[in-house]
Amino acid sequence: KFPPPMALEFLLRHHERTGHRGALDAVTLTLERMARGGIYDQLAGGFARYSVDAAWHVPHFEKMLTDNAQLLRVYAHHARVTGSALSERIARETGDFLLCDMRSADGGFVASLDADAAGVEGLTYRWPIPELVAVVRGVTGENDAVPGGAAAEVVAAFGVDPGRPDPEGEVLRLVRDPADPVRFGAVRAALLSARGHRPQPGRDDIVTLAGNGLAITARAETGALLGAPEWVAAAAEAADALTATCRA
């Protein structure tokens, strides 16, 4: 299953023109399921290329600039139309991901991040359950074994059942919002820090005109919409870099 940003944009605009509730409901359902699925990087933001299952759970872990630029835009547009806090959060996190992980040295945006690291697909992103539980318990300060307490609540929010280890369980989802967002944020930061010590995916550092055009549009629009002037400035910098490189 590939994310369908163009179809979602069409349905969202159709709803705005006509008031068609079914079109908006379809967009809302799809965006929420993708945002809560394993196709979305629940720690660093950004979407994988596609899902290999029907539930947006297990992704092909490659991250593409073109996909993320278009999804950034549609999540921001959905937040504008509906006031969805989830869509706004995903837009902000995806925008931050592009700035942190996909910028080139001259201010443009690179084409993709590989699916594999050290020759193993998903090595950077998968979480063996004992390692996940150990990091979570390090944040919550609990020494007793999960299944009880705050650590269990956080692990369950990620869609992981320590009593039923399976390969799909190693891909983090967000099946429900955590009871304590502050603690959950600390857990996410700890997990991301631990993940940073693993082998990291390579980058395809090619800077394409089409992909950067999508990213520039998305950054400028969403930066203005979400009150993030640094995003608008990044869009201008990327446009300058492309003009210098591609214009004869």
C-alpha atoms as a PDB file:
ATOM      1  CA  LYS A   1       0.000   0.000   0.000  1.00  0.00           C
ATOM      2  CA  PHE A   2       1.427   3.329  -1.104  1.00  0.00           C
ATOM      3  CA  PRO A   3       0.297   6.549   0.590  1.00  0.00           C
ATOM      4  CA  PRO A   4      -2.019   8.394  -1.857  1.00  0.00           C
ATOM      5  CA  PRO A   5      -1.345  12.098  -1.196  1.00  0.00           C
ATOM      6  CA  MET A   6      -2.689  13.337  -4.531  1.00  0.00           C
ATOM      7  CA  ALA A   7      -5.976  11.446  -4.107  1.00  0.00           C
ATOM      8  CA  LEU A   8      -6.284  12.775  -0.569  1.00  0.00           C
ATOM      9  CA  GLU A   9      -5.652  16.340  -1.732  1.00  0.00           C
ATOM     10  CA  PHE A  10      -8.337  15.902  -4.385  1.00  0.00           C
ATOM     11  CA  LEU A  11     -10.891  14.600  -1.873  1.00  0.00           C
ATOM     12  CA  LEU A  12     -10.055  17.314   0.633  1.00  0.00           C
ATOM     13  CA  ARG A  13     -10.532  20.035  -1.980  1.00  0.00           C
ATOM     14  CA  HIS A  14     -13.713  18.339  -3.203  1.00  0.00           C
ATOM     15  CA  HIS A  15     -15.047  18.558   0.355  1.00  0.00           C
ATOM     16  CA  GLU A  16     -14.102  22.238   0.589  1.00  0.00           C
ATOM     17  CA  ARG A  17     -15.884  23.011  -2.690  1.00  0.00           C
ATOM     18  CA  THR A  18     -19.008  20.938  -2.132  1.00  0.00           C
ATOM     19  CA  GLY A  19     -19.267  20.154   1.581  1.00  0.00           C
ATOM     20  CA  HIS A  20     -19.212  16.412   0.761  1.00  0.00           C
ATOM     21  CA  ARG A  21     -18.855  14.761   4.164  1.00  0.00           C
ATOM     22  CA  GLY A  22     -17.920  11.333   2.815  1.00  0.00           C
ATOM     23  CA  ALA A  23     -14.883  12.756   1.041  1.00  0.00           C
ATOM     24  CA  LEU A  24     -13.634  14.385   4.239  1.00  0.00           C
ATOM     25  CA  ASP A  25     -14.280  11.228   6.278  1.00  0.00           C
ATOM     26  CA  ALA A  26     -12.220   9.168   3.821  1.00  0.00           C
ATOM     27  CA  VAL A  27      -9.311  11.591   4.079  1.00  0.00           C
ATOM     28  CA  THR A  28      -9.494  11.727   7.875  1.00  0.00           C
ATOM     29  CA  LEU A  29      -9.579   7.941   8.234  1.00  0.00           C
ATOM     30  CA  THR A  30      -6.656   7.373   5.854  1.00  0.00           C
ATOM     31  CA  LEU A  31      -4.479  10.081   7.359  1.00  0.00           C
ATOM     32  CA  GLU A  32      -5.086   8.857  10.904  1.00  0.00           C
ATOM     33  CA  ARG A  33      -4.376   5.211  10.076  1.00  0.00           C
ATOM     34  CA  MET A  34      -1.151   6.124   8.288  1.00  0.00           C
ATOM     35  CA  ALA A  35      -0.056   8.428  11.116  1.00  0.00           C
ATOM     36  CA  ARG A  36      -0.641   5.731  13.726  1.00  0.00           C
ATOM     37  CA  GLY A  37       0.875   2.929  11.652  1.00  0.00           C
ATOM     38  CA  GLY A  38       4.384   1.601  11.344  1.00  0.00           C
ATOM     39  CA  ILE A  39       4.719   3.290   7.959  1.00  0.00           C
ATOM     40  CA  TYR A  40       5.201   6.503   9.949  1.00  0.00           C
ATOM     41  CA  ASP A  41       8.403   6.853  11.956  1.00  0.00           C
ATOM     42  CA  GLN A  42       6.952   7.269  15.444  1.00  0.00           C
ATOM     43  CA  LEU A  43      10.270   8.552  16.816  1.00  0.00           C
ATOM     44  CA  ALA A  44      11.819  10.886  14.220  1.00  0.00           C
ATOM     45  CA  GLY A  45       8.907  11.661  11.912  1.00  0.00           C
ATOM     46  CA  GLY A  46       8.653  11.028   8.192  1.00  0.00           C
ATOM     47  CA  PHE A  47       6.942   8.312   6.177  1.00  0.00           C
ATOM     48  CA  ALA A  48       8.371   5.158   4.649  1.00  0.00           C
ATOM     49  CA  ARG A  49       7.844   4.441   0.956  1.00  0.00           C
ATOM     50  CA  TYR A  50       4.970   1.970   1.331  1.00  0.00           C
ATOM     51  CA  SER A  51       3.459  -0.676   3.570  1.00  0.00           C
ATOM     52  CA  VAL A  52       3.787  -4.382   2.808  1.00  0.00           C
ATOM     53  CA  ASP A  53       0.545  -5.216   4.658  1.00  0.00           C
ATOM     54  CA  ALA A  54      -3.043  -3.959   4.569  1.00  0.00           C
ATOM     55  CA  ALA A  55      -2.943  -2.099   7.898  1.00  0.00           C
ATOM     56  CA  TRP A  56      -0.103   0.391   7.240  1.00  0.00           C
ATOM     57  CA  HIS A  57       1.907  -1.567   9.832  1.00  0.00           C
ATOM     58  CA  VAL A  58       5.068  -3.072   8.347  1.00  0.00           C
ATOM     59  CA  PRO A  59       6.798  -0.731   5.888  1.00  0.00           C
ATOM     60  CA  HIS A  60       9.423  -0.926   3.235  1.00  0.00           C
ATOM     61  CA  PHE A  61      11.656   1.386   5.250  1.00  0.00           C
ATOM     62  CA  GLU A  62      13.008   3.632   2.481  1.00  0.00           C
ATOM     63  CA  LYS A  63      12.056   7.300   2.958  1.00  0.00           C
ATOM     64  CA  MET A  64      11.569   9.382  -0.191  1.00  0.00           C
ATOM     65  CA  LEU A  65      11.627  13.163  -0.475  1.00  0.00           C
ATOM     66  CA  THR A  66       8.755  13.205  -2.963  1.00  0.00           C
ATOM     67  CA  ASP A  67       6.464  11.196  -0.682  1.00  0.00           C
ATOM     68  CA  ASN A  68       7.219  13.195   2.437  1.00  0.00           C
ATOM     69  CA  ALA A  69       6.894  16.566   0.727  1.00  0.00           C
ATOM     70  CA  GLN A  70       3.426  15.696  -0.564  1.00  0.00           C
ATOM     71  CA  LEU A  71       2.329  14.142   2.738  1.00  0.00           C
ATOM     72  CA  LEU A  72       3.580  17.144   4.698  1.00  0.00           C
ATOM     73  CA  ARG A  73       1.320  19.304   2.572  1.00  0.00           C
ATOM     74  CA  VAL A  74      -1.815  17.174   2.835  1.00  0.00           C
ATOM     75  CA  TYR A  75      -1.511  16.759   6.609  1.00  0.00           C
ATOM     76  CA  ALA A  76      -1.139  20.527   6.988  1.00  0.00           C
ATOM     77  CA  HIS A  77      -4.138  21.129   4.723  1.00  0.00           C
ATOM     78  CA  HIS A  78      -6.206  18.629   6.700  1.00  0.00           C
ATOM     79  CA  ALA A  79      -5.233  20.354   9.950  1.00  0.00           C
ATOM     80  CA  ARG A  80      -6.327  23.676   8.453  1.00  0.00           C
ATOM     81  CA  VAL A  81      -9.703  22.334   7.350  1.00  0.00           C
ATOM     82  CA  THR A  82     -10.548  20.241  10.409  1.00  0.00           C
ATOM     83  CA  GLY A  83      -8.432  21.591  13.277  1.00  0.00           C
ATOM     84  CA  SER A  84      -7.047  18.060  13.800  1.00  0.00           C
ATOM     85  CA  ALA A  85      -4.314  18.108  16.444  1.00  0.00           C
ATOM     86  CA  LEU A  86      -3.002  14.782  15.119  1.00  0.00           C
ATOM     87  CA  SER A  87      -2.631  16.073  11.568  1.00  0.00           C
ATOM     88  CA  GLU A  88      -0.912  19.226  12.782  1.00  0.00           C
ATOM     89  CA  ARG A  89       1.525  17.180  14.873  1.00  0.00           C
ATOM     90  CA  ILE A  90       2.345  14.887  11.953  1.00  0.00           C
ATOM     91  CA  ALA A  91       2.871  17.883   9.673  1.00  0.00           C
ATOM     92  CA  ARG A  92       5.233  19.518  12.164  1.00  0.00           C
ATOM     93  CA  GLU A  93       7.189  16.305  12.765  1.00  0.00           C
ATOM     94  CA  THR A  94       7.454  15.525   9.059  1.00  0.00           C
ATOM     95  CA  GLY A  95       8.643  19.057   8.351  1.00  0.00           C
ATOM     96  CA  ASP A  96      11.254  18.769  11.085  1.00  0.00           C
ATOM     97  CA  PHE A  97      12.353  15.398   9.679  1.00  0.00           C
ATOM     98  CA  LEU A  98      12.976  16.945   6.267  1.00  0.00           C
ATOM     99  CA  LEU A  99      15.039  19.721   7.814  1.00  0.00           C
ATOM    100  CA  CYS A 100      17.067  17.440  10.075  1.00  0.00           C
ATOM    101  CA  ASP A 101      17.651  14.396   7.886  1.00  0.00           C
ATOM    102  CA  MET A 102      17.191  15.302   4.219  1.00  0.00           C
ATOM    103  CA  ARG A 103      18.883  18.664   3.642  1.00  0.00           C
ATOM    104  CA  SER A 104      21.868  18.891   1.357  1.00  0.00           C
ATOM    105  CA  ALA A 105      24.961  20.952   2.084  1.00  0.00           C
ATOM    106  CA  ASP A 106      23.819  23.756  -0.245  1.00  0.00           C
ATOM    107  CA  GLY A 107      20.334  24.024   1.314  1.00  0.00           C
ATOM    108  CA  GLY A 108      18.412  21.770  -1.075  1.00  0.00           C
ATOM    109  CA  PHE A 109      16.881  18.425  -0.204  1.00  0.00           C
ATOM    110  CA  VAL A 110      18.289  14.984  -1.029  1.00  0.00           C
ATOM    111  CA  ALA A 111      16.287  12.291  -2.759  1.00  0.00           C
ATOM    112  CA  SER A 112      15.961   9.508  -0.184  1.00  0.00           C
ATOM    113  CA  LEU A 113      17.143   7.538   2.814  1.00  0.00           C
ATOM    114  CA  ASP A 114      17.859   3.854   2.243  1.00  0.00           C
ATOM    115  CA  ALA A 115      15.643   1.111   3.640  1.00  0.00           C
ATOM    116  CA  ASP A 116      18.592  -0.892   4.964  1.00  0.00           C
ATOM    117  CA  ALA A 117      21.573  -0.307   7.205  1.00  0.00           C
ATOM    118  CA  ALA A 118      24.578  -2.618   7.368  1.00  0.00           C
ATOM    119  CA  GLY A 119      22.844  -4.730   4.728  1.00  0.00           C
ATOM    120  CA  VAL A 120      19.709  -5.413   6.798  1.00  0.00           C
ATOM    121  CA  GLU A 121      16.390  -3.814   5.867  1.00  0.00           C
ATOM    122  CA  GLY A 122      14.833  -1.949   8.770  1.00  0.00           C
ATOM    123  CA  LEU A 123      17.802  -2.532  11.075  1.00  0.00           C
ATOM    124  CA  THR A 124      17.758   1.081  12.247  1.00  0.00           C
ATOM    125  CA  TYR A 125      14.041   1.167  12.918  1.00  0.00           C
ATOM    126  CA  ARG A 126      12.990  -2.230  14.307  1.00  0.00           C
ATOM    127  CA  TRP A 127      12.829  -2.727  18.077  1.00  0.00           C
ATOM    128  CA  PRO A 128      13.491  -6.142  19.610  1.00  0.00           C
ATOM    129  CA  ILE A 129      11.025  -6.192  22.484  1.00  0.00           C
ATOM    130  CA  PRO A 130      13.561  -6.670  25.345  1.00  0.00           C
ATOM    131  CA  GLU A 131      15.526  -3.640  24.129  1.00  0.00           C
ATOM    132  CA  LEU A 132      12.376  -1.545  23.792  1.00  0.00           C
ATOM    133  CA  VAL A 133      11.202  -2.468  27.298  1.00  0.00           C
ATOM    134  CA  ALA A 134      14.639  -1.752  28.793  1.00  0.00           C
ATOM    135  CA  VAL A 135      14.761   1.776  27.333  1.00  0.00           C
ATOM    136  CA  VAL A 136      11.197   2.534  28.410  1.00  0.00           C
ATOM    137  CA  ARG A 137      11.810   1.293  31.930  1.00  0.00           C
ATOM    138  CA  GLY A 138      14.948   3.410  32.098  1.00  0.00           C
ATOM    139  CA  VAL A 139      12.763   6.491  31.600  1.00  0.00           C
ATOM    140  CA  THR A 140       9.922   5.466  33.891  1.00  0.00           C
ATOM    141  CA  GLY A 141      12.324   4.308  36.624  1.00  0.00           C
ATOM    142  CA  GLU A 142      10.532   1.008  37.121  1.00  0.00           C
ATOM    143  CA  ASN A 143      12.511  -2.078  38.064  1.00  0.00           C
ATOM    144  CA  ASP A 144       9.671  -4.572  38.077  1.00  0.00           C
ATOM    145  CA  ALA A 145       8.946  -6.547  34.963  1.00  0.00           C
ATOM    146  CA  VAL A 146       6.360  -5.310  32.522  1.00  0.00           C
ATOM    147  CA  PRO A 147       3.234  -6.119  32.439  1.00  0.00           C
ATOM    148  CA  GLY A 148       2.310  -3.506  35.067  1.00  0.00           C
ATOM    149  CA  GLY A 149       2.850   0.191  35.602  1.00  0.00           C
ATOM    150  CA  ALA A 150       3.811   3.161  33.474  1.00  0.00           C
ATOM    151  CA  ALA A 151       6.282   1.209  31.337  1.00  0.00           C
ATOM    152  CA  ALA A 152       3.560  -1.233  30.332  1.00  0.00           C
ATOM    153  CA  GLU A 153       1.246   1.614  29.349  1.00  0.00           C
ATOM    154  CA  VAL A 154       3.888   3.182  27.112  1.00  0.00           C
ATOM    155  CA  VAL A 155       4.857  -0.114  25.482  1.00  0.00           C
ATOM    156  CA  ALA A 156       1.194  -0.902  24.819  1.00  0.00           C
ATOM    157  CA  ALA A 157       0.674   2.547  23.268  1.00  0.00           C
ATOM    158  CA  PHE A 158       3.340   1.558  20.730  1.00  0.00           C
ATOM    159  CA  GLY A 159       1.268  -1.506  19.826  1.00  0.00           C
ATOM    160  CA  VAL A 160       3.751  -3.960  21.335  1.00  0.00           C
ATOM    161  CA  ASP A 161       2.783  -6.935  23.507  1.00  0.00           C
ATOM    162  CA  PRO A 162       5.844  -8.211  25.440  1.00  0.00           C
ATOM    163  CA  GLY A 163       4.090 -11.517  25.938  1.00  0.00           C
ATOM    164  CA  ARG A 164       3.689 -12.116  22.211  1.00  0.00           C
ATOM    165  CA  PRO A 165       6.991 -11.389  20.476  1.00  0.00           C
ATOM    166  CA  ASP A 166       6.776 -11.436  16.695  1.00  0.00           C
ATOM    167  CA  PRO A 167       8.594  -9.656  13.868  1.00  0.00           C
ATOM    168  CA  GLU A 168       5.715  -7.266  13.212  1.00  0.00           C
ATOM    169  CA  GLY A 169       5.725  -6.303  16.883  1.00  0.00           C
ATOM    170  CA  GLU A 170       9.189  -4.845  16.380  1.00  0.00           C
ATOM    171  CA  VAL A 171       7.758  -2.050  14.204  1.00  0.00           C
ATOM    172  CA  LEU A 172       6.434   0.745  16.412  1.00  0.00           C
ATOM    173  CA  ARG A 173       2.923   2.066  15.856  1.00  0.00           C
ATOM    174  CA  LEU A 174       0.847   4.427  17.957  1.00  0.00           C
ATOM    175  CA  VAL A 175      -2.341   2.507  18.575  1.00  0.00           C
ATOM    176  CA  ARG A 176      -3.609   5.010  21.127  1.00  0.00           C
ATOM    177  CA  ASP A 177      -2.567   8.315  22.575  1.00  0.00           C
ATOM    178  CA  PRO A 178      -0.597   7.920  25.831  1.00  0.00           C
ATOM    179  CA  ALA A 179      -2.114   8.872  29.164  1.00  0.00           C
ATOM    180  CA  ASP A 180       0.902  11.043  30.044  1.00  0.00           C
ATOM    181  CA  PRO A 181       2.125  12.999  26.969  1.00  0.00           C
ATOM    182  CA  VAL A 182       5.099  14.492  28.838  1.00  0.00           C
ATOM    183  CA  ARG A 183       6.424  11.113  29.931  1.00  0.00           C
ATOM    184  CA  PHE A 184       5.721   9.725  26.482  1.00  0.00           C
ATOM    185  CA  GLY A 185       7.773  12.528  24.955  1.00  0.00           C
ATOM    186  CA  ALA A 186      10.673  11.639  27.251  1.00  0.00           C
ATOM    187  CA  VAL A 187      10.384   7.994  26.200  1.00  0.00           C
ATOM    188  CA  ARG A 188      10.394   8.928  22.511  1.00  0.00           C
ATOM    189  CA  ALA A 189      13.508  11.051  23.019  1.00  0.00           C
ATOM    190  CA  ALA A 190      15.269   8.203  24.845  1.00  0.00           C
ATOM    191  CA  LEU A 191      14.352   5.698  22.150  1.00  0.00           C
ATOM    192  CA  LEU A 192      15.523   8.043  19.400  1.00  0.00           C
ATOM    193  CA  SER A 193      18.809   8.587  21.231  1.00  0.00           C
ATOM    194  CA  ALA A 194      19.327   4.839  21.581  1.00  0.00           C
ATOM    195  CA  ARG A 195      18.458   4.354  17.914  1.00  0.00           C
ATOM    196  CA  GLY A 196      21.121   6.890  16.994  1.00  0.00           C
ATOM    197  CA  HIS A 197      23.807   4.462  18.158  1.00  0.00           C
ATOM    198  CA  ARG A 198      22.749   1.843  15.622  1.00  0.00           C
ATOM    199  CA  PRO A 199      23.975   1.660  12.024  1.00  0.00           C
ATOM    200  CA  GLN A 200      22.139   4.356  10.080  1.00  0.00           C
ATOM    201  CA  PRO A 201      20.635   4.154   6.582  1.00  0.00           C
ATOM    202  CA  GLY A 202      22.596   5.689   3.745  1.00  0.00           C
ATOM    203  CA  ARG A 203      21.403   8.775   1.875  1.00  0.00           C
ATOM    204  CA  ASP A 204      20.945   9.196  -1.832  1.00  0.00           C
ATOM    205  CA  ASP A 205      22.440  12.676  -1.981  1.00  0.00           C
ATOM    206  CA  ILE A 206      21.233  13.476  -5.482  1.00  0.00           C
ATOM    207  CA  VAL A 207      19.233  16.739  -5.509  1.00  0.00           C
ATOM    208  CA  THR A 208      16.415  16.498  -8.055  1.00  0.00           C
ATOM    209  CA  LEU A 209      14.538  19.461  -9.453  1.00  0.00           C
ATOM    210  CA  ALA A 210      11.115  17.810  -9.254  1.00  0.00           C
ATOM    211  CA  GLY A 211      11.518  16.525  -5.707  1.00  0.00           C
ATOM    212  CA  ASN A 212      12.836  19.843  -4.482  1.00  0.00           C
ATOM    213  CA  GLY A 213       9.984  21.666  -6.206  1.00  0.00           C
ATOM    214  CA  LEU A 214       7.528  19.613  -4.170  1.00  0.00           C
ATOM    215  CA  ALA A 215       9.511  20.174  -0.973  1.00  0.00           C
ATOM    216  CA  ILE A 216       9.821  23.931  -1.531  1.00  0.00           C
ATOM    217  CA  THR A 217       6.069  24.267  -2.118  1.00  0.00           C
ATOM    218  CA  ALA A 218       5.254  22.167   0.949  1.00  0.00           C
ATOM    219  CA  ARG A 219       7.667  24.024   3.208  1.00  0.00           C
ATOM    220  CA  ALA A 220       6.528  27.470   2.117  1.00  0.00           C
ATOM    221  CA  GLU A 221       2.820  26.655   2.428  1.00  0.00           C
ATOM    222  CA  THR A 222       3.002  24.782   5.707  1.00  0.00           C
ATOM    223  CA  GLY A 223       5.491  27.199   7.231  1.00  0.00           C
ATOM    224  CA  ALA A 224       3.060  30.051   6.608  1.00  0.00           C
ATOM    225  CA  LEU A 225       0.090  27.987   7.774  1.00  0.00           C
ATOM    226  CA  LEU A 226       1.682  26.677  10.979  1.00  0.00           C
ATOM    227  CA  GLY A 227       3.566  29.816  11.924  1.00  0.00           C
ATOM    228  CA  ALA A 228       7.040  28.398  11.284  1.00  0.00           C
ATOM    229  CA  PRO A 229       9.064  31.158   9.563  1.00  0.00           C
ATOM    230  CA  GLU A 230      12.195  28.998   9.615  1.00  0.00           C
ATOM    231  CA  TRP A 231      10.405  26.618   7.229  1.00  0.00           C
ATOM    232  CA  VAL A 232       9.632  29.446   4.833  1.00  0.00           C
ATOM    233  CA  ALA A 233      13.275  30.536   5.022  1.00  0.00           C
ATOM    234  CA  ALA A 234      14.394  26.960   4.303  1.00  0.00           C
ATOM    235  CA  ALA A 235      12.105  26.888   1.259  1.00  0.00           C
ATOM    236  CA  ALA A 236      13.674  30.108  -0.021  1.00  0.00           C
ATOM    237  CA  GLU A 237      17.179  28.759   0.569  1.00  0.00           C
ATOM    238  CA  ALA A 238      16.363  25.578  -1.343  1.00  0.00           C
ATOM    239  CA  ALA A 239      14.889  27.625  -4.192  1.00  0.00           C
ATOM    240  CA  ASP A 240      18.058  29.712  -4.379  1.00  0.00           C
ATOM    241  CA  ALA A 241      20.189  26.560  -4.424  1.00  0.00           C
ATOM    242  CA  LEU A 242      18.130  25.067  -7.252  1.00  0.00           C
ATOM    243  CA  THR A 243      18.263  28.280  -9.247  1.00  0.00           C
ATOM    244  CA  ALA A 244      22.037  28.409  -8.921  1.00  0.00           C
ATOM    245  CA  THR A 245      22.421  24.749  -9.896  1.00  0.00           C
ATOM    246  CA  CYS A 246      19.774  24.129 -12.543  1.00  0.00           C
ATOM    247  CA  ARG A 247      19.194  27.410 -14.344  1.00  0.00           C
ATOM    248  CA  ALA A 248      21.352  27.816 -17.410  1.00  0.00           C
END
